[in-house]
Amino acid sequence: MEKADQLDKATAQVINAKRHQKAAPVLEENCPDLNVKEAYRIQQKTVDLQLHEGQRIVGYKAGLTHKKGQQAFGLNEPVTGALLSDALWQADSDYSVSQGKKLMIEQELAFRLDKDITRAVYDVEELRSYISEVAPAIELPDLGFTGKPRGVDVIANNVANRAFHIGQWQTIPDNLDSMNLSLSCNDQTLSQTQSGNTMEGQWEALLWMVNQQFKLGYPLEEGHVLMTGNLVKLLPGKPCEYTADFANLGKLEFTLTR
């Protein structure tokens, strides 16, 4: 089978799973030698279809921002996916874990672009002219795959995004990388970390993200949200009343139900 045919079949698999709310496909049968560049092509084709069906890109997410996670999936760098409008979840509404196959909980920080980015950004100092606000955020990725996923499967399936919530936008604090964060379930602490626990810190993660999306050809527009990756240990999304504490950025409370 020609590579173009392989990629078309793999794209159809991903699209079919999304349309019928099935587990995300592992693409090894049709694309045993799928590489990262090709996986992003599949991701973009499926995102384009969703845009054609009426959704909007509202931002982007980073995943596998720690070396240990990258190595587990056979990668040597983080990954990115698009945040689509239908995944935006209001945390004051309960979210049923039955909406996913294997929901997880990630505590993250989100940043908002003040203006369009139309070229590569060279350093953090320049990047600061594009971003002035941060918000606490929760993402519920769905790691329900048909088998053991490779890193390329994660990329092709839009980095497993299922739902996300953004809290109140605030001015970026001076202690952006040194805030003490925690996540609890029914008042029992599940995880604690610091806000700089992503790549080489939040600004470096943002710099990598915007240049990655620019290289991939995705638009970077005023108002787009950038979520820089999970800060706590990856936790299963079990039914519970959760509190995510973001230090001076406040708290997010949300409930997962069966």
C-alpha atoms as a PDB file:
ATOM      1  CA  MET A   1       0.000   0.000   0.000  1.00  0.00           C
ATOM      2  CA  GLU A   2       1.330   3.451  -0.930  1.00  0.00           C
ATOM      3  CA  LYS A   3       2.077   5.816   1.959  1.00  0.00           C
ATOM      4  CA  ALA A   4      -0.587   8.296   0.766  1.00  0.00           C
ATOM      5  CA  ASP A   5      -3.189   5.511   0.906  1.00  0.00           C
ATOM      6  CA  GLN A   6      -1.975   4.508   4.363  1.00  0.00           C
ATOM      7  CA  LEU A   7      -2.385   8.058   5.645  1.00  0.00           C
ATOM      8  CA  ASP A   8      -5.857   8.359   4.098  1.00  0.00           C
ATOM      9  CA  LYS A   9      -6.968   5.143   5.795  1.00  0.00           C
ATOM     10  CA  ALA A  10      -5.485   6.257   9.111  1.00  0.00           C
ATOM     11  CA  THR A  11      -7.228   9.634   8.855  1.00  0.00           C
ATOM     12  CA  ALA A  12     -10.528   7.892   8.141  1.00  0.00           C
ATOM     13  CA  GLN A  13     -10.007   5.743  11.258  1.00  0.00           C
ATOM     14  CA  VAL A  14      -9.513   8.800  13.464  1.00  0.00           C
ATOM     15  CA  ILE A  15     -12.502  10.608  11.965  1.00  0.00           C
ATOM     16  CA  ASN A  16     -14.752   7.557  12.302  1.00  0.00           C
ATOM     17  CA  ALA A  17     -13.824   7.137  15.971  1.00  0.00           C
ATOM     18  CA  LYS A  18     -14.629  10.786  16.704  1.00  0.00           C
ATOM     19  CA  ARG A  19     -17.949  10.730  14.859  1.00  0.00           C
ATOM     20  CA  HIS A  20     -19.138   7.550  16.568  1.00  0.00           C
ATOM     21  CA  GLN A  21     -17.566   8.295  19.975  1.00  0.00           C
ATOM     22  CA  LYS A  22     -15.401   5.216  19.863  1.00  0.00           C
ATOM     23  CA  ALA A  23     -12.019   4.645  21.498  1.00  0.00           C
ATOM     24  CA  ALA A  24      -9.200   6.459  19.711  1.00  0.00           C
ATOM     25  CA  PRO A  25      -7.531   4.188  17.165  1.00  0.00           C
ATOM     26  CA  VAL A  26      -3.983   2.887  17.348  1.00  0.00           C
ATOM     27  CA  LEU A  27      -2.838   3.247  13.742  1.00  0.00           C
ATOM     28  CA  GLU A  28      -0.099   0.608  13.652  1.00  0.00           C
ATOM     29  CA  GLU A  29      -1.972  -1.778  11.326  1.00  0.00           C
ATOM     30  CA  ASN A  30      -2.453   0.769   8.533  1.00  0.00           C
ATOM     31  CA  CYS A  31       0.640   2.873   9.334  1.00  0.00           C
ATOM     32  CA  PRO A  32       3.274   0.730  11.073  1.00  0.00           C
ATOM     33  CA  ASP A  33       6.039   3.220  10.236  1.00  0.00           C
ATOM     34  CA  LEU A  34       4.059   6.406  10.888  1.00  0.00           C
ATOM     35  CA  ASN A  35       6.388   9.282  11.778  1.00  0.00           C
ATOM     36  CA  VAL A  36       5.764  12.493  13.737  1.00  0.00           C
ATOM     37  CA  LYS A  37       5.401  14.713  10.670  1.00  0.00           C
ATOM     38  CA  GLU A  38       2.811  12.370   9.161  1.00  0.00           C
ATOM     39  CA  ALA A  39       0.956  12.102  12.479  1.00  0.00           C
ATOM     40  CA  TYR A  40       0.541  15.886  12.562  1.00  0.00           C
ATOM     41  CA  ARG A  41      -0.783  15.752   8.983  1.00  0.00           C
ATOM     42  CA  ILE A  42      -3.476  13.319  10.139  1.00  0.00           C
ATOM     43  CA  GLN A  43      -4.259  15.559  13.111  1.00  0.00           C
ATOM     44  CA  GLN A  44      -4.623  18.605  10.888  1.00  0.00           C
ATOM     45  CA  LYS A  45      -6.852  16.792   8.395  1.00  0.00           C
ATOM     46  CA  THR A  46      -9.233  15.734  11.172  1.00  0.00           C
ATOM     47  CA  VAL A  47      -9.215  19.230  12.698  1.00  0.00           C
ATOM     48  CA  ASP A  48      -9.949  20.739   9.269  1.00  0.00           C
ATOM     49  CA  LEU A  49     -12.945  18.441   8.919  1.00  0.00           C
ATOM     50  CA  GLN A  50     -14.262  19.475  12.331  1.00  0.00           C
ATOM     51  CA  LEU A  51     -13.866  23.125  11.364  1.00  0.00           C
ATOM     52  CA  HIS A  52     -15.826  22.445   8.174  1.00  0.00           C
ATOM     53  CA  GLU A  53     -18.573  20.944  10.352  1.00  0.00           C
ATOM     54  CA  GLY A  54     -18.884  24.164  12.373  1.00  0.00           C
ATOM     55  CA  GLN A  55     -16.352  23.983  15.176  1.00  0.00           C
ATOM     56  CA  ARG A  56     -13.728  26.653  15.879  1.00  0.00           C
ATOM     57  CA  ILE A  57     -10.114  26.533  16.988  1.00  0.00           C
ATOM     58  CA  VAL A  58     -10.027  28.374  20.313  1.00  0.00           C
ATOM     59  CA  GLY A  59      -6.411  27.582  21.138  1.00  0.00           C
ATOM     60  CA  TYR A  60      -3.825  24.849  21.570  1.00  0.00           C
ATOM     61  CA  LYS A  61      -2.557  22.412  24.193  1.00  0.00           C
ATOM     62  CA  ALA A  62       0.812  20.893  24.943  1.00  0.00           C
ATOM     63  CA  GLY A  63       1.255  17.320  26.086  1.00  0.00           C
ATOM     64  CA  LEU A  64       4.060  15.018  27.224  1.00  0.00           C
ATOM     65  CA  THR A  65       6.030  18.010  28.487  1.00  0.00           C
ATOM     66  CA  HIS A  66       8.265  15.833  30.680  1.00  0.00           C
ATOM     67  CA  LYS A  67      11.091  13.638  29.362  1.00  0.00           C
ATOM     68  CA  LYS A  68       9.853  10.542  31.171  1.00  0.00           C
ATOM     69  CA  GLY A  69       6.470  10.762  29.470  1.00  0.00           C
ATOM     70  CA  GLN A  70       8.054  11.372  26.060  1.00  0.00           C
ATOM     71  CA  GLN A  71      10.297   8.342  26.415  1.00  0.00           C
ATOM     72  CA  ALA A  72       7.331   6.175  27.400  1.00  0.00           C
ATOM     73  CA  PHE A  73       5.707   7.004  24.059  1.00  0.00           C
ATOM     74  CA  GLY A  74       8.859   6.792  21.952  1.00  0.00           C
ATOM     75  CA  LEU A  75       9.265  10.538  21.437  1.00  0.00           C
ATOM     76  CA  ASN A  76      12.019  13.052  22.133  1.00  0.00           C
ATOM     77  CA  GLU A  77       9.950  16.249  22.405  1.00  0.00           C
ATOM     78  CA  PRO A  78       6.529  17.388  23.663  1.00  0.00           C
ATOM     79  CA  VAL A  79       3.433  17.276  21.460  1.00  0.00           C
ATOM     80  CA  THR A  80       0.669  19.742  20.652  1.00  0.00           C
ATOM     81  CA  GLY A  81      -2.979  19.579  19.676  1.00  0.00           C
ATOM     82  CA  ALA A  82      -5.787  21.965  18.836  1.00  0.00           C
ATOM     83  CA  LEU A  83      -8.436  23.044  21.359  1.00  0.00           C
ATOM     84  CA  LEU A  84     -11.816  23.062  19.643  1.00  0.00           C
ATOM     85  CA  SER A  85     -14.896  24.986  20.685  1.00  0.00           C
ATOM     86  CA  ASP A  86     -17.032  21.917  21.424  1.00  0.00           C
ATOM     87  CA  ALA A  87     -14.539  20.749  24.071  1.00  0.00           C
ATOM     88  CA  LEU A  88     -14.905  23.905  26.178  1.00  0.00           C
ATOM     89  CA  TRP A  89     -16.564  22.851  29.431  1.00  0.00           C
ATOM     90  CA  GLN A  90     -18.108  25.079  32.084  1.00  0.00           C
ATOM     91  CA  ALA A  91     -16.849  23.762  35.411  1.00  0.00           C
ATOM     92  CA  ASP A  92     -20.012  24.859  37.222  1.00  0.00           C
ATOM     93  CA  SER A  93     -21.698  22.017  35.297  1.00  0.00           C
ATOM     94  CA  ASP A  94     -21.003  18.447  36.377  1.00  0.00           C
ATOM     95  CA  TYR A  95     -19.112  16.348  33.840  1.00  0.00           C
ATOM     96  CA  SER A  96     -19.895  12.660  33.419  1.00  0.00           C
ATOM     97  CA  VAL A  97     -16.892  10.358  33.091  1.00  0.00           C
ATOM     98  CA  SER A  98     -19.055   8.244  30.761  1.00  0.00           C
ATOM     99  CA  GLN A  99     -18.468  10.885  28.069  1.00  0.00           C
ATOM    100  CA  GLY A 100     -14.974   9.457  27.624  1.00  0.00           C
ATOM    101  CA  LYS A 101     -13.390   6.033  27.442  1.00  0.00           C
ATOM    102  CA  LYS A 102     -10.568   6.685  29.921  1.00  0.00           C
ATOM    103  CA  LEU A 103     -10.742  10.231  31.234  1.00  0.00           C
ATOM    104  CA  MET A 104      -7.779  11.677  33.100  1.00  0.00           C
ATOM    105  CA  ILE A 105      -7.392  14.945  35.048  1.00  0.00           C
ATOM    106  CA  GLU A 106      -4.703  17.515  34.340  1.00  0.00           C
ATOM    107  CA  GLN A 107      -4.115  20.728  36.295  1.00  0.00           C
ATOM    108  CA  GLU A 108      -2.607  23.339  33.990  1.00  0.00           C
ATOM    109  CA  LEU A 109      -2.059  27.018  33.332  1.00  0.00           C
ATOM    110  CA  ALA A 110      -3.616  28.740  30.332  1.00  0.00           C
ATOM    111  CA  PHE A 111      -2.411  31.879  28.577  1.00  0.00           C
ATOM    112  CA  ARG A 112      -4.225  34.117  26.107  1.00  0.00           C
ATOM    113  CA  LEU A 113      -2.749  35.797  23.027  1.00  0.00           C
ATOM    114  CA  ASP A 114      -3.163  39.594  23.007  1.00  0.00           C
ATOM    115  CA  LYS A 115      -2.554  39.773  19.247  1.00  0.00           C
ATOM    116  CA  ASP A 116      -1.915  37.585  16.223  1.00  0.00           C
ATOM    117  CA  ILE A 117       1.449  35.880  15.798  1.00  0.00           C
ATOM    118  CA  THR A 118       2.416  35.796  12.112  1.00  0.00           C
ATOM    119  CA  ARG A 119       6.068  34.742  12.302  1.00  0.00           C
ATOM    120  CA  ALA A 120       8.460  32.819  14.510  1.00  0.00           C
ATOM    121  CA  VAL A 121       9.092  34.345  17.947  1.00  0.00           C
ATOM    122  CA  TYR A 122      12.786  34.507  18.779  1.00  0.00           C
ATOM    123  CA  ASP A 123      12.916  34.769  22.574  1.00  0.00           C
ATOM    124  CA  VAL A 124      10.886  35.107  25.753  1.00  0.00           C
ATOM    125  CA  GLU A 125      11.328  38.862  25.875  1.00  0.00           C
ATOM    126  CA  GLU A 126       9.609  39.180  22.500  1.00  0.00           C
ATOM    127  CA  LEU A 127       6.959  36.642  23.509  1.00  0.00           C
ATOM    128  CA  ARG A 128       5.964  38.781  26.494  1.00  0.00           C
ATOM    129  CA  SER A 129       4.685  41.423  24.073  1.00  0.00           C
ATOM    130  CA  TYR A 130       2.093  38.902  22.841  1.00  0.00           C
ATOM    131  CA  ILE A 131       0.880  37.475  26.179  1.00  0.00           C
ATOM    132  CA  SER A 132      -0.123  39.350  29.339  1.00  0.00           C
ATOM    133  CA  GLU A 133      -2.797  37.176  31.002  1.00  0.00           C
ATOM    134  CA  VAL A 134      -2.908  33.771  32.650  1.00  0.00           C
ATOM    135  CA  ALA A 135      -5.747  31.656  34.034  1.00  0.00           C
ATOM    136  CA  PRO A 136      -6.029  28.445  36.060  1.00  0.00           C
ATOM    137  CA  ALA A 137      -7.199  25.558  33.901  1.00  0.00           C
ATOM    138  CA  ILE A 138      -8.328  21.951  34.031  1.00  0.00           C
ATOM    139  CA  GLU A 139      -8.134  19.528  31.141  1.00  0.00           C
ATOM    140  CA  LEU A 140      -9.824  16.139  30.875  1.00  0.00           C
ATOM    141  CA  PRO A 141      -7.870  14.212  28.235  1.00  0.00           C
ATOM    142  CA  ASP A 142      -9.211  10.843  27.115  1.00  0.00           C
ATOM    143  CA  LEU A 143      -6.565   8.114  26.958  1.00  0.00           C
ATOM    144  CA  GLY A 144      -9.051   5.467  25.867  1.00  0.00           C
ATOM    145  CA  PHE A 145      -7.304   3.906  22.855  1.00  0.00           C
ATOM    146  CA  THR A 146      -8.034   0.650  21.061  1.00  0.00           C
ATOM    147  CA  GLY A 147      -4.625  -0.640  22.157  1.00  0.00           C
ATOM    148  CA  LYS A 148      -1.334   0.600  23.533  1.00  0.00           C
ATOM    149  CA  PRO A 149      -0.756   3.969  21.800  1.00  0.00           C
ATOM    150  CA  ARG A 150       2.533   5.151  20.374  1.00  0.00           C
ATOM    151  CA  GLY A 151       3.459   8.817  20.507  1.00  0.00           C
ATOM    152  CA  VAL A 152       2.386   9.207  16.887  1.00  0.00           C
ATOM    153  CA  ASP A 153      -1.044   7.810  17.750  1.00  0.00           C
ATOM    154  CA  VAL A 154      -1.408  10.430  20.490  1.00  0.00           C
ATOM    155  CA  ILE A 155      -0.487  13.194  18.017  1.00  0.00           C
ATOM    156  CA  ALA A 156      -2.790  11.920  15.265  1.00  0.00           C
ATOM    157  CA  ASN A 157      -5.696  11.778  17.727  1.00  0.00           C
ATOM    158  CA  ASN A 158      -5.238  15.473  18.614  1.00  0.00           C
ATOM    159  CA  VAL A 159      -3.315  14.712  21.819  1.00  0.00           C
ATOM    160  CA  ALA A 160      -6.387  13.075  23.361  1.00  0.00           C
ATOM    161  CA  ASN A 161      -8.255  16.299  24.136  1.00  0.00           C
ATOM    162  CA  ARG A 162     -11.790  15.652  25.385  1.00  0.00           C
ATOM    163  CA  ALA A 163     -12.760  18.646  27.556  1.00  0.00           C
ATOM    164  CA  PHE A 164     -11.160  21.670  29.193  1.00  0.00           C
ATOM    165  CA  HIS A 165     -12.136  24.509  31.495  1.00  0.00           C
ATOM    166  CA  ILE A 166     -10.525  27.931  31.798  1.00  0.00           C
ATOM    167  CA  GLY A 167     -10.845  29.983  34.999  1.00  0.00           C
ATOM    168  CA  GLN A 168     -10.613  33.733  35.484  1.00  0.00           C
ATOM    169  CA  TRP A 169      -8.074  35.640  33.403  1.00  0.00           C
ATOM    170  CA  GLN A 170      -5.527  37.584  35.452  1.00  0.00           C
ATOM    171  CA  THR A 171      -2.320  39.537  35.005  1.00  0.00           C
ATOM    172  CA  ILE A 172       0.671  37.193  34.876  1.00  0.00           C
ATOM    173  CA  PRO A 173       2.305  37.228  38.342  1.00  0.00           C
ATOM    174  CA  ASP A 174       6.022  37.607  38.997  1.00  0.00           C
ATOM    175  CA  ASN A 175       6.068  34.192  40.709  1.00  0.00           C
ATOM    176  CA  LEU A 176       4.695  32.407  37.632  1.00  0.00           C
ATOM    177  CA  ASP A 177       7.013  29.401  38.064  1.00  0.00           C
ATOM    178  CA  SER A 178       7.051  29.147  41.855  1.00  0.00           C
ATOM    179  CA  MET A 179       3.396  28.910  42.907  1.00  0.00           C
ATOM    180  CA  ASN A 180       2.447  25.884  45.013  1.00  0.00           C
ATOM    181  CA  LEU A 181      -0.402  23.982  43.361  1.00  0.00           C
ATOM    182  CA  SER A 182      -2.484  21.079  44.594  1.00  0.00           C
ATOM    183  CA  LEU A 183      -5.414  18.921  43.538  1.00  0.00           C
ATOM    184  CA  SER A 184      -7.794  17.312  46.008  1.00  0.00           C
ATOM    185  CA  CYS A 185     -10.812  14.988  45.866  1.00  0.00           C
ATOM    186  CA  ASN A 186     -13.408  15.303  48.620  1.00  0.00           C
ATOM    187  CA  ASP A 187     -10.833  17.285  50.631  1.00  0.00           C
ATOM    188  CA  GLN A 188      -8.197  14.526  50.291  1.00  0.00           C
ATOM    189  CA  THR A 189      -5.011  15.786  48.630  1.00  0.00           C
ATOM    190  CA  LEU A 190      -4.151  13.802  45.508  1.00  0.00           C
ATOM    191  CA  SER A 191      -1.161  15.724  44.195  1.00  0.00           C
ATOM    192  CA  GLN A 192       1.064  18.719  44.901  1.00  0.00           C
ATOM    193  CA  THR A 193       3.514  20.491  42.622  1.00  0.00           C
ATOM    194  CA  GLN A 194       4.928  23.851  41.559  1.00  0.00           C
ATOM    195  CA  SER A 195       3.660  25.908  38.658  1.00  0.00           C
ATOM    196  CA  GLY A 196       6.989  25.804  36.814  1.00  0.00           C
ATOM    197  CA  ASN A 197       6.852  22.014  36.479  1.00  0.00           C
ATOM    198  CA  THR A 198       6.660  21.981  32.674  1.00  0.00           C
ATOM    199  CA  MET A 199       9.615  21.839  30.298  1.00  0.00           C
ATOM    200  CA  GLU A 200      12.046  24.592  31.417  1.00  0.00           C
ATOM    201  CA  GLY A 201       9.287  26.711  32.988  1.00  0.00           C
ATOM    202  CA  GLN A 202       6.128  28.357  31.724  1.00  0.00           C
ATOM    203  CA  TRP A 203       7.681  30.993  29.444  1.00  0.00           C
ATOM    204  CA  GLU A 204       9.976  28.465  27.772  1.00  0.00           C
ATOM    205  CA  ALA A 205       7.015  26.128  27.286  1.00  0.00           C
ATOM    206  CA  LEU A 206       5.048  28.956  25.686  1.00  0.00           C
ATOM    207  CA  LEU A 207       7.935  29.889  23.417  1.00  0.00           C
ATOM    208  CA  TRP A 208       8.243  26.303  22.220  1.00  0.00           C
ATOM    209  CA  MET A 209       4.460  26.046  21.723  1.00  0.00           C
ATOM    210  CA  VAL A 210       3.966  29.155  19.588  1.00  0.00           C
ATOM    211  CA  ASN A 211       6.905  28.288  17.354  1.00  0.00           C
ATOM    212  CA  GLN A 212       5.719  24.700  17.038  1.00  0.00           C
ATOM    213  CA  GLN A 213       2.231  25.785  15.978  1.00  0.00           C
ATOM    214  CA  PHE A 214       3.663  28.352  13.568  1.00  0.00           C
ATOM    215  CA  LYS A 215       5.877  25.660  12.024  1.00  0.00           C
ATOM    216  CA  LEU A 216       2.886  23.338  11.671  1.00  0.00           C
ATOM    217  CA  GLY A 217       0.909  26.055   9.879  1.00  0.00           C
ATOM    218  CA  TYR A 218      -1.812  26.491  12.491  1.00  0.00           C
ATOM    219  CA  PRO A 219      -3.132  30.055  12.950  1.00  0.00           C
ATOM    220  CA  LEU A 220      -2.110  31.918  16.122  1.00  0.00           C
ATOM    221  CA  GLU A 221      -4.752  34.577  16.603  1.00  0.00           C
ATOM    222  CA  GLU A 222      -5.707  37.188  19.164  1.00  0.00           C
ATOM    223  CA  GLY A 223      -7.777  35.518  21.878  1.00  0.00           C
ATOM    224  CA  HIS A 224      -6.378  32.033  21.317  1.00  0.00           C
ATOM    225  CA  VAL A 225      -5.694  30.036  24.479  1.00  0.00           C
ATOM    226  CA  LEU A 226      -2.383  28.249  25.056  1.00  0.00           C
ATOM    227  CA  MET A 227      -2.358  25.462  27.666  1.00  0.00           C
ATOM    228  CA  THR A 228       1.200  24.486  28.565  1.00  0.00           C
ATOM    229  CA  GLY A 229       0.719  20.948  29.860  1.00  0.00           C
ATOM    230  CA  ASN A 230      -0.035  18.962  32.970  1.00  0.00           C
ATOM    231  CA  LEU A 231       1.641  20.127  36.190  1.00  0.00           C
ATOM    232  CA  VAL A 232       0.523  17.404  38.602  1.00  0.00           C
ATOM    233  CA  LYS A 233       0.881  13.642  38.277  1.00  0.00           C
ATOM    234  CA  LEU A 234      -1.552  12.184  35.761  1.00  0.00           C
ATOM    235  CA  LEU A 235      -4.676  11.126  37.633  1.00  0.00           C
ATOM    236  CA  PRO A 236      -7.695   9.053  36.564  1.00  0.00           C
ATOM    237  CA  GLY A 237     -10.931  10.981  36.257  1.00  0.00           C
ATOM    238  CA  LYS A 238     -13.014   9.283  38.923  1.00  0.00           C
ATOM    239  CA  PRO A 239     -16.398  10.563  40.155  1.00  0.00           C
ATOM    240  CA  CYS A 240     -15.665  13.043  42.939  1.00  0.00           C
ATOM    241  CA  GLU A 241     -15.891  16.682  43.985  1.00  0.00           C
ATOM    242  CA  TYR A 242     -12.516  18.196  43.127  1.00  0.00           C
ATOM    243  CA  THR A 243     -10.686  21.349  44.185  1.00  0.00           C
ATOM    244  CA  ALA A 244      -7.690  22.539  42.192  1.00  0.00           C
ATOM    245  CA  ASP A 245      -5.701  25.110  44.166  1.00  0.00           C
ATOM    246  CA  PHE A 246      -3.620  27.531  42.086  1.00  0.00           C
ATOM    247  CA  ALA A 247      -2.173  29.611  44.959  1.00  0.00           C
ATOM    248  CA  ASN A 248      -2.572  33.342  44.253  1.00  0.00           C
ATOM    249  CA  LEU A 249      -4.488  32.580  41.029  1.00  0.00           C
ATOM    250  CA  GLY A 250      -7.332  31.112  43.068  1.00  0.00           C
ATOM    251  CA  LYS A 251      -9.149  27.766  43.040  1.00  0.00           C
ATOM    252  CA  LEU A 252     -11.222  25.809  40.536  1.00  0.00           C
ATOM    253  CA  GLU A 253     -13.905  23.503  41.874  1.00  0.00           C
ATOM    254  CA  PHE A 254     -15.522  20.881  39.653  1.00  0.00           C
ATOM    255  CA  THR A 255     -17.486  17.673  39.960  1.00  0.00           C
ATOM    256  CA  LEU A 256     -17.116  14.485  37.939  1.00  0.00           C
ATOM    257  CA  THR A 257     -20.069  12.115  37.991  1.00  0.00           C
ATOM    258  CA  ARG A 258     -20.655   8.594  36.688  1.00  0.00           C
END
